[in-house]
N, C-alpha and C. Protein backbone atom coordinates (compact mmCIF):
# COMPACT_ATOMS: atom_id res chain seq x y z
N MET A 1 -3.49 -34.66 51.29
CA MET A 1 -2.12 -35.24 51.42
C MET A 1 -1.79 -35.43 53.11
N THR A 2 -1.14 -36.23 53.17
CA THR A 2 -0.54 -36.46 54.89
C THR A 2 -0.10 -35.39 54.58
N PRO A 3 0.03 -34.94 56.53
CA PRO A 3 0.81 -33.89 57.16
C PRO A 3 2.84 -34.58 56.72
N ARG A 4 3.03 -35.64 56.72
CA ARG A 4 4.80 -35.78 56.60
C ARG A 4 4.61 -35.61 55.27
N ILE A 5 3.74 -36.08 54.13
CA ILE A 5 4.48 -35.75 52.78
C ILE A 5 4.33 -34.42 52.44
N ALA A 6 3.51 -33.16 53.37
CA ALA A 6 3.48 -32.00 52.74
C ALA A 6 5.17 -31.36 53.93
N ALA A 7 5.26 -32.10 53.96
CA ALA A 7 6.42 -32.04 54.87
C ALA A 7 7.59 -32.20 53.82
N ALA A 8 7.90 -33.40 53.12
CA ALA A 8 8.79 -33.41 52.09
C ALA A 8 8.93 -32.96 50.87
N ALA A 9 7.23 -32.79 50.63
CA ALA A 9 6.86 -31.73 49.37
C ALA A 9 8.31 -30.86 48.78
N PRO A 10 8.25 -29.78 49.38
CA PRO A 10 9.64 -28.66 48.92
C PRO A 10 9.90 -29.24 48.66
N PHE A 11 11.28 -30.59 49.57
CA PHE A 11 12.46 -30.29 49.13
C PHE A 11 12.58 -31.39 48.04
N ALA A 12 11.40 -31.93 47.89
CA ALA A 12 10.99 -33.41 47.06
C ALA A 12 10.58 -32.03 45.01
N VAL A 13 10.11 -31.50 45.17
CA VAL A 13 9.51 -30.21 44.21
C VAL A 13 11.05 -29.99 43.64
N LEU A 14 11.41 -29.32 44.67
CA LEU A 14 12.45 -28.42 43.30
C LEU A 14 14.12 -29.70 43.29
N GLY A 15 13.72 -30.01 44.62
CA GLY A 15 14.93 -31.75 44.06
C GLY A 15 15.17 -31.91 42.61
N LEU A 16 13.41 -32.55 43.03
CA LEU A 16 12.86 -32.74 40.94
C LEU A 16 13.01 -31.63 40.06
N GLY A 17 13.60 -30.12 40.57
CA GLY A 17 13.51 -29.67 39.36
C GLY A 17 15.04 -29.30 39.09
N CYS A 18 16.12 -29.36 40.02
CA CYS A 18 17.34 -29.69 40.14
C CYS A 18 17.65 -30.75 39.43
N ALA A 19 17.00 -31.49 39.44
CA ALA A 19 17.11 -32.75 38.67
C ALA A 19 17.44 -32.18 36.66
N ILE A 20 16.33 -32.41 37.30
CA ILE A 20 15.58 -31.97 35.51
C ILE A 20 16.48 -30.46 34.75
N ALA A 21 16.96 -29.55 35.67
CA ALA A 21 17.62 -28.36 35.52
C ALA A 21 19.30 -29.09 35.05
N GLY A 22 19.65 -29.92 35.88
CA GLY A 22 20.63 -30.66 35.06
C GLY A 22 20.59 -31.32 34.19
N GLY A 23 19.60 -32.39 33.85
CA GLY A 23 19.65 -33.02 32.45
C GLY A 23 19.73 -32.02 30.79
N LEU A 24 18.68 -31.10 31.55
CA LEU A 24 18.89 -29.87 30.36
C LEU A 24 19.78 -29.46 30.22
N ALA A 25 20.46 -29.01 31.60
CA ALA A 25 21.92 -28.20 31.38
C ALA A 25 22.51 -29.20 30.23
N SER A 26 22.74 -30.66 30.70
CA SER A 26 23.88 -32.10 30.32
C SER A 26 23.36 -31.77 28.77
N ALA A 27 21.73 -32.09 27.96
CA ALA A 27 21.76 -31.50 26.60
C ALA A 27 22.21 -30.09 26.08
N VAL A 28 22.78 -29.02 27.02
CA VAL A 28 22.90 -28.18 26.40
C VAL A 28 24.26 -28.34 26.20
N ILE A 29 25.17 -28.43 26.97
CA ILE A 29 27.09 -28.74 27.38
C ILE A 29 26.96 -29.54 25.89
N ALA A 30 26.74 -30.64 26.19
CA ALA A 30 26.50 -31.86 25.45
C ALA A 30 27.42 -31.95 24.00
N PRO A 31 27.23 -30.46 23.12
CA PRO A 31 27.86 -30.85 21.41
C PRO A 31 29.67 -30.21 21.81
N GLN A 32 30.01 -28.87 23.18
CA GLN A 32 31.19 -28.76 23.48
C GLN A 32 31.43 -28.20 25.50
N PRO A 33 31.20 -29.47 25.69
CA PRO A 33 31.39 -30.00 26.98
C PRO A 33 32.77 -28.89 27.22
N THR A 34 32.25 -28.52 28.61
CA THR A 34 33.10 -27.70 29.15
C THR A 34 33.81 -28.14 31.09
N PRO A 35 34.33 -28.08 31.55
CA PRO A 35 35.16 -28.90 33.30
C PRO A 35 34.09 -27.82 33.86
N HIS A 36 33.54 -26.94 33.93
CA HIS A 36 32.36 -26.49 34.83
C HIS A 36 31.19 -26.66 34.13
N GLY A 37 31.00 -26.93 32.96
CA GLY A 37 29.40 -27.34 32.99
C GLY A 37 29.03 -28.72 32.75
N ALA A 38 30.05 -29.65 32.83
CA ALA A 38 30.33 -30.68 33.40
C ALA A 38 29.51 -31.29 34.85
N TRP A 39 30.72 -30.47 35.63
CA TRP A 39 31.36 -30.32 36.82
C TRP A 39 29.46 -29.56 37.45
N ALA A 40 28.07 -28.47 36.85
CA ALA A 40 27.29 -27.62 37.30
C ALA A 40 26.82 -28.49 37.01
N VAL A 41 25.95 -30.20 35.69
CA VAL A 41 25.41 -30.92 35.48
C VAL A 41 24.85 -31.77 36.73
N ALA A 42 25.87 -32.32 37.49
CA ALA A 42 26.68 -33.42 37.86
C ALA A 42 26.26 -32.82 39.68
N TYR A 43 26.49 -31.37 39.81
CA TYR A 43 26.82 -30.99 41.09
C TYR A 43 24.90 -30.31 41.09
N LEU A 44 23.34 -30.14 40.43
CA LEU A 44 22.67 -29.95 40.00
C LEU A 44 21.70 -31.19 40.22
N VAL A 45 21.93 -32.40 39.36
CA VAL A 45 21.56 -33.20 39.92
C VAL A 45 21.42 -34.12 41.40
N LEU A 46 22.88 -33.99 41.64
CA LEU A 46 23.49 -35.05 42.77
C LEU A 46 23.69 -33.74 44.34
N VAL A 47 23.81 -33.22 44.46
CA VAL A 47 23.26 -32.04 45.34
C VAL A 47 22.76 -31.18 46.15
N GLY A 48 22.49 -30.96 44.53
CA GLY A 48 20.97 -29.21 44.04
C GLY A 48 19.42 -30.78 44.31
N GLY A 49 19.60 -32.00 43.43
CA GLY A 49 18.26 -33.15 44.01
C GLY A 49 18.69 -34.08 44.00
N ILE A 50 19.21 -35.25 44.24
CA ILE A 50 19.12 -35.80 44.69
C ILE A 50 19.21 -36.09 46.50
N ALA A 51 20.32 -35.14 46.82
CA ALA A 51 20.50 -35.20 48.23
C ALA A 51 19.45 -34.32 48.51
N GLN A 52 19.02 -33.77 48.05
CA GLN A 52 17.81 -32.58 48.79
C GLN A 52 16.21 -33.57 49.02
N LEU A 53 16.71 -34.88 47.53
CA LEU A 53 15.04 -35.10 48.16
C LEU A 53 15.45 -35.85 49.31
N GLY A 54 16.36 -36.41 49.50
CA GLY A 54 17.13 -37.39 50.90
C GLY A 54 16.84 -37.01 51.48
N LEU A 55 17.46 -35.67 51.87
CA LEU A 55 17.86 -34.84 53.27
C LEU A 55 15.45 -34.80 53.60
N GLY A 56 15.32 -34.05 52.87
CA GLY A 56 13.39 -34.17 53.47
C GLY A 56 12.61 -35.04 53.18
N VAL A 57 13.47 -36.30 52.00
CA VAL A 57 12.52 -37.44 52.57
C VAL A 57 12.95 -37.49 54.20
N GLY A 58 14.23 -37.81 54.21
CA GLY A 58 14.32 -37.89 55.27
C GLY A 58 13.86 -37.70 56.70
N GLN A 59 13.58 -36.16 56.80
CA GLN A 59 13.35 -35.65 57.95
C GLN A 59 11.97 -35.67 57.91
N ALA A 60 11.17 -36.25 56.80
CA ALA A 60 9.50 -36.24 57.32
C ALA A 60 9.37 -37.72 57.67
N LEU A 61 10.33 -39.00 57.41
CA LEU A 61 9.29 -39.70 58.51
C LEU A 61 10.57 -40.05 59.26
N LEU A 62 11.82 -39.38 59.66
CA LEU A 62 12.57 -39.53 60.62
C LEU A 62 11.68 -37.82 62.65
N ALA A 63 11.59 -37.10 61.82
CA ALA A 63 10.62 -35.54 62.57
C ALA A 63 9.91 -36.81 64.17
N PRO A 64 10.25 -36.14 65.52
CA PRO A 64 9.06 -36.83 66.20
C PRO A 64 7.98 -36.18 66.01
N ALA A 65 8.37 -35.42 65.88
CA ALA A 65 6.85 -33.96 65.97
C ALA A 65 7.28 -33.48 64.25
N LEU A 66 6.12 -33.07 63.21
CA LEU A 66 6.56 -32.54 62.45
C LEU A 66 6.63 -30.71 62.44
N PRO A 67 7.60 -30.76 61.40
CA PRO A 67 8.87 -29.76 61.58
C PRO A 67 8.03 -28.56 60.82
N SER A 68 7.99 -27.70 61.79
CA SER A 68 7.23 -26.55 61.36
C SER A 68 6.98 -25.54 60.00
N ARG A 69 6.34 -25.30 59.71
CA ARG A 69 5.84 -24.71 58.35
C ARG A 69 7.49 -24.00 57.95
N ARG A 70 7.61 -22.89 59.11
CA ARG A 70 8.73 -21.80 59.35
C ARG A 70 10.13 -22.48 58.72
N LEU A 71 10.08 -23.40 59.92
CA LEU A 71 11.44 -24.07 59.57
C LEU A 71 11.61 -25.14 58.50
N VAL A 72 10.91 -25.85 57.87
CA VAL A 72 10.75 -26.25 56.31
C VAL A 72 10.65 -25.23 55.47
N ALA A 73 10.84 -23.85 55.49
CA ALA A 73 10.95 -23.12 54.94
C ALA A 73 12.21 -22.10 54.94
N ALA A 74 12.86 -22.36 56.43
CA ALA A 74 14.03 -21.83 56.13
C ALA A 74 14.79 -23.05 55.40
N GLN A 75 14.47 -23.89 56.14
CA GLN A 75 15.76 -25.77 55.76
C GLN A 75 15.72 -24.99 53.63
N VAL A 76 14.30 -25.19 53.30
CA VAL A 76 14.80 -25.39 51.74
C VAL A 76 15.07 -24.01 51.06
N ALA A 77 14.66 -23.35 52.16
CA ALA A 77 15.43 -21.36 51.34
C ALA A 77 17.38 -21.48 51.41
N ALA A 78 17.48 -22.35 52.44
CA ALA A 78 18.99 -22.00 52.88
C ALA A 78 19.86 -23.18 52.00
N TRP A 79 19.28 -24.53 51.75
CA TRP A 79 19.64 -25.48 50.79
C TRP A 79 19.77 -24.76 49.59
N ASN A 80 18.29 -24.15 49.49
CA ASN A 80 18.48 -24.24 47.73
C ASN A 80 19.66 -22.82 47.51
N LEU A 81 19.13 -21.53 48.35
CA LEU A 81 20.11 -20.43 48.33
C LEU A 81 21.48 -20.83 48.63
N GLY A 82 22.14 -22.11 49.70
CA GLY A 82 23.24 -22.03 49.51
C GLY A 82 23.81 -23.00 47.20
N ASN A 83 22.84 -23.58 47.46
CA ASN A 83 23.34 -24.33 46.00
C ASN A 83 23.47 -23.88 44.82
N ALA A 84 23.12 -22.50 45.15
CA ALA A 84 22.06 -21.56 43.62
C ALA A 84 24.34 -20.39 43.60
N VAL A 85 24.46 -19.90 45.47
CA VAL A 85 25.32 -19.40 45.44
C VAL A 85 26.46 -19.94 45.13
N VAL A 86 27.03 -21.06 45.45
CA VAL A 86 28.45 -22.43 44.75
C VAL A 86 27.66 -22.17 42.97
N LEU A 87 26.97 -22.97 42.89
CA LEU A 87 26.75 -22.69 41.64
C LEU A 87 26.96 -21.25 40.82
N GLY A 88 26.61 -20.43 41.06
CA GLY A 88 27.00 -19.00 40.62
C GLY A 88 28.71 -18.48 41.18
N GLY A 89 29.08 -18.48 41.83
CA GLY A 89 30.08 -18.53 42.77
C GLY A 89 31.70 -19.02 41.81
N THR A 90 30.97 -20.59 41.60
CA THR A 90 31.99 -21.48 40.54
C THR A 90 31.99 -21.46 39.54
N LEU A 91 30.61 -21.08 38.43
CA LEU A 91 30.29 -20.59 37.19
C LEU A 91 31.82 -19.25 36.36
N SER A 92 31.54 -18.53 38.03
CA SER A 92 31.85 -17.46 37.28
C SER A 92 33.54 -16.57 38.11
N GLY A 93 33.70 -17.88 38.75
CA GLY A 93 35.24 -18.30 39.31
C GLY A 93 34.92 -17.00 40.32
N VAL A 94 34.57 -17.07 41.11
CA VAL A 94 35.14 -16.46 41.93
C VAL A 94 34.63 -16.90 43.64
N THR A 95 35.50 -17.36 43.86
CA THR A 95 35.52 -17.83 44.73
C THR A 95 35.01 -18.19 46.86
N PRO A 96 35.40 -16.35 46.47
CA PRO A 96 34.55 -16.42 47.98
C PRO A 96 33.66 -15.87 48.04
N VAL A 97 32.68 -16.02 47.39
CA VAL A 97 31.14 -16.49 46.86
C VAL A 97 31.41 -17.78 47.56
N VAL A 98 31.61 -19.18 46.28
CA VAL A 98 31.65 -20.16 46.24
C VAL A 98 31.45 -20.18 47.90
N ASP A 99 32.08 -19.46 49.09
CA ASP A 99 32.66 -20.05 50.14
C ASP A 99 31.49 -19.40 51.23
N VAL A 100 30.54 -18.54 50.56
CA VAL A 100 29.07 -17.94 51.70
C VAL A 100 28.04 -19.05 51.14
N GLY A 101 28.17 -19.15 49.94
CA GLY A 101 27.13 -20.58 49.63
C GLY A 101 27.76 -22.92 50.46
N GLY A 102 29.30 -21.95 50.36
CA GLY A 102 29.20 -23.57 51.52
C GLY A 102 28.96 -23.16 52.84
N ALA A 103 28.66 -22.30 53.27
CA ALA A 103 28.31 -21.67 54.86
C ALA A 103 26.95 -21.32 54.78
N VAL A 104 26.43 -21.51 53.80
CA VAL A 104 24.16 -20.86 53.97
C VAL A 104 24.10 -22.96 54.08
N LEU A 105 25.50 -23.14 53.10
CA LEU A 105 24.77 -25.21 52.66
C LEU A 105 24.55 -25.74 54.02
N VAL A 106 26.06 -25.17 55.29
CA VAL A 106 26.32 -25.68 56.34
C VAL A 106 25.18 -25.31 57.47
N VAL A 107 24.47 -24.15 57.22
CA VAL A 107 23.67 -24.29 58.17
C VAL A 107 22.04 -24.53 57.28
N GLY A 108 22.36 -25.13 56.42
CA GLY A 108 20.92 -25.56 55.76
C GLY A 108 20.80 -26.75 56.18
N LEU A 109 22.47 -27.56 57.32
CA LEU A 109 22.28 -28.92 57.11
C LEU A 109 21.73 -29.47 58.91
N ALA A 110 22.31 -28.04 59.84
CA ALA A 110 22.29 -27.85 60.91
C ALA A 110 20.89 -27.64 61.29
N LEU A 111 19.85 -27.08 60.27
CA LEU A 111 18.73 -26.76 60.86
C LEU A 111 18.11 -28.27 60.28
N LEU A 112 18.21 -28.88 59.46
CA LEU A 112 18.02 -30.07 59.23
C LEU A 112 18.11 -31.27 59.94
N VAL A 113 19.17 -31.60 60.91
CA VAL A 113 19.70 -32.15 61.89
C VAL A 113 18.86 -31.37 62.85
N LEU A 114 18.37 -30.34 63.19
CA LEU A 114 17.47 -29.75 64.21
C LEU A 114 16.17 -30.69 63.78
N GLY A 115 15.79 -30.14 62.72
CA GLY A 115 14.24 -31.10 62.77
C GLY A 115 14.27 -32.68 63.03
N VAL A 116 14.84 -33.35 63.29
CA VAL A 116 15.26 -34.82 63.16
C VAL A 116 15.79 -35.41 64.84
N ARG A 117 16.35 -33.49 65.55
CA ARG A 117 16.86 -33.81 66.73
C ARG A 117 15.46 -34.38 67.47
N GLY A 118 15.90 -35.87 68.58
CA GLY A 118 14.82 -35.75 69.07
C GLY A 118 14.36 -37.58 68.84
N SER A 119 14.56 -37.50 67.61
CA SER A 119 13.91 -38.75 67.29
C SER A 119 14.55 -40.53 67.57
N SER A 120 13.69 -41.02 67.92
CA SER A 120 13.82 -42.12 68.31
C SER A 120 14.41 -43.12 67.10
N PRO A 121 15.08 -43.60 67.30
CA PRO A 121 15.16 -44.73 66.06
C PRO A 121 14.11 -46.37 66.11
N ASP A 122 13.38 -46.83 66.03
CA ASP A 122 12.93 -48.14 66.02
C ASP A 122 13.08 -49.14 64.82
N GLY A 123 12.42 -49.78 64.74
CA GLY A 123 12.77 -51.16 63.98
C GLY A 123 12.41 -50.63 62.08
N ARG A 124 11.46 -49.52 62.30
CA ARG A 124 10.85 -49.17 60.58
C ARG A 124 11.50 -48.11 60.90
N THR A 125 12.12 -47.26 61.79
CA THR A 125 13.34 -46.12 61.42
C THR A 125 14.50 -46.34 60.69
N ARG A 126 14.54 -47.45 61.30
CA ARG A 126 16.60 -47.43 62.28
C ARG A 126 16.97 -47.26 60.50
N TRP A 127 17.10 -47.53 59.02
CA TRP A 127 17.99 -47.34 58.29
C TRP A 127 17.85 -46.19 57.81
N VAL A 128 16.17 -45.66 57.73
CA VAL A 128 16.57 -44.20 57.53
C VAL A 128 17.42 -43.49 58.44
N ARG A 129 17.05 -43.51 59.24
CA ARG A 129 18.20 -42.23 60.17
C ARG A 129 19.15 -42.77 59.79
N HIS A 130 19.68 -44.15 59.67
CA HIS A 130 21.56 -44.79 59.06
C HIS A 130 21.39 -43.80 57.95
N GLY A 131 20.51 -43.76 57.30
CA GLY A 131 20.71 -43.28 55.27
C GLY A 131 20.56 -41.80 55.73
N PHE A 132 20.13 -41.21 56.77
CA PHE A 132 20.16 -39.73 56.87
C PHE A 132 21.24 -38.55 57.00
N GLN A 133 21.63 -39.93 58.41
CA GLN A 133 22.88 -39.52 58.98
C GLN A 133 24.10 -39.61 57.86
N ALA A 134 24.17 -40.68 57.24
CA ALA A 134 25.04 -41.02 56.63
C ALA A 134 25.40 -39.81 55.23
N LEU A 135 24.21 -39.18 54.12
CA LEU A 135 23.69 -38.24 53.43
C LEU A 135 24.59 -36.69 54.35
N VAL A 136 24.18 -36.69 55.45
CA VAL A 136 24.62 -35.28 56.52
C VAL A 136 25.81 -35.18 56.40
N VAL A 137 26.22 -36.47 57.08
CA VAL A 137 28.38 -36.60 57.36
C VAL A 137 28.81 -36.71 55.88
N LEU A 138 28.11 -36.75 54.60
CA LEU A 138 28.69 -37.13 53.04
C LEU A 138 28.89 -35.49 52.51
N LEU A 139 28.08 -34.68 53.09
CA LEU A 139 27.69 -34.08 52.76
C LEU A 139 28.53 -32.68 53.33
N LEU A 140 28.67 -32.96 54.96
CA LEU A 140 29.32 -32.23 55.27
C LEU A 140 31.03 -32.26 55.66
N VAL A 141 31.13 -33.30 54.60
CA VAL A 141 32.95 -33.71 54.07
C VAL A 141 32.65 -33.17 52.52
N SER A 142 32.20 -33.51 52.30
CA SER A 142 31.56 -32.53 50.32
C SER A 142 32.23 -30.87 50.97
N ILE A 143 31.76 -30.25 51.71
CA ILE A 143 31.45 -29.54 51.48
C ILE A 143 32.92 -28.53 51.45
N PRO A 144 33.41 -28.87 52.53
CA PRO A 144 35.01 -27.99 52.37
C PRO A 144 36.17 -28.40 50.93
N VAL A 145 36.26 -29.70 50.60
CA VAL A 145 36.54 -30.72 49.86
C VAL A 145 36.08 -29.56 48.64
N GLY A 146 34.70 -29.51 48.48
CA GLY A 146 34.50 -28.97 47.32
C GLY A 146 35.46 -27.39 47.21
N LEU A 147 34.97 -26.37 48.46
CA LEU A 147 35.76 -25.63 48.79
C LEU A 147 37.22 -25.51 48.60
N VAL A 148 38.10 -26.49 48.23
CA VAL A 148 39.00 -26.43 48.69
C VAL A 148 39.40 -26.65 46.62
N LEU A 149 38.99 -27.60 46.20
CA LEU A 149 38.54 -27.78 44.41
C LEU A 149 38.44 -26.45 43.95
N ALA A 150 37.51 -25.49 44.28
CA ALA A 150 36.74 -24.48 43.90
C ALA A 150 38.30 -23.58 43.73
N ARG A 151 39.29 -23.43 44.35
CA ARG A 151 40.60 -22.76 44.80
C ARG A 151 41.06 -23.48 43.65
N ILE A 152 41.03 -24.59 43.79
CA ILE A 152 42.38 -25.23 42.36
C ILE A 152 41.58 -25.01 41.08
N GLY A 153 40.33 -24.68 40.64
CA GLY A 153 40.04 -25.58 39.92
C GLY A 153 40.25 -26.36 38.86
N PRO A 154 39.25 -26.63 37.39
CA PRO A 154 39.37 -27.65 36.72
C PRO A 154 41.20 -27.24 36.20
N THR A 155 41.35 -29.16 36.50
CA THR A 155 42.49 -29.35 35.57
C THR A 155 42.82 -29.90 34.58
């Protein structure tokens, strides 16, 4: 395994696990879907799965030097802990817990941006860089929107 693949592997494995968990949750709730259940499925697949994969692969391709194992561990821990807390808080209806999870996700994103700091775009990575930046911005906008929606509740 190349070092760059190894740097992305924890994100890829956990992101795939979240996408699979979302699919399994979808099968479980299919007979009687609820607003929270449908939200949890989408959250697991999109934020826990696809976004995590994009962030990890983006960092592995863009980092000027490979991120340390310690940094990758902190990033993976923050992202997955934040997601677990957001899911738990939302499903239990405890919005302050959702707020804590959102804050942990912002820390995770900051650590990921730190991991690509100093990279210089070249022709080969220019589109990867744009995609990574767009994903980070999308997530940074989505987090406060999600926190507001958690307070409003399902309609």
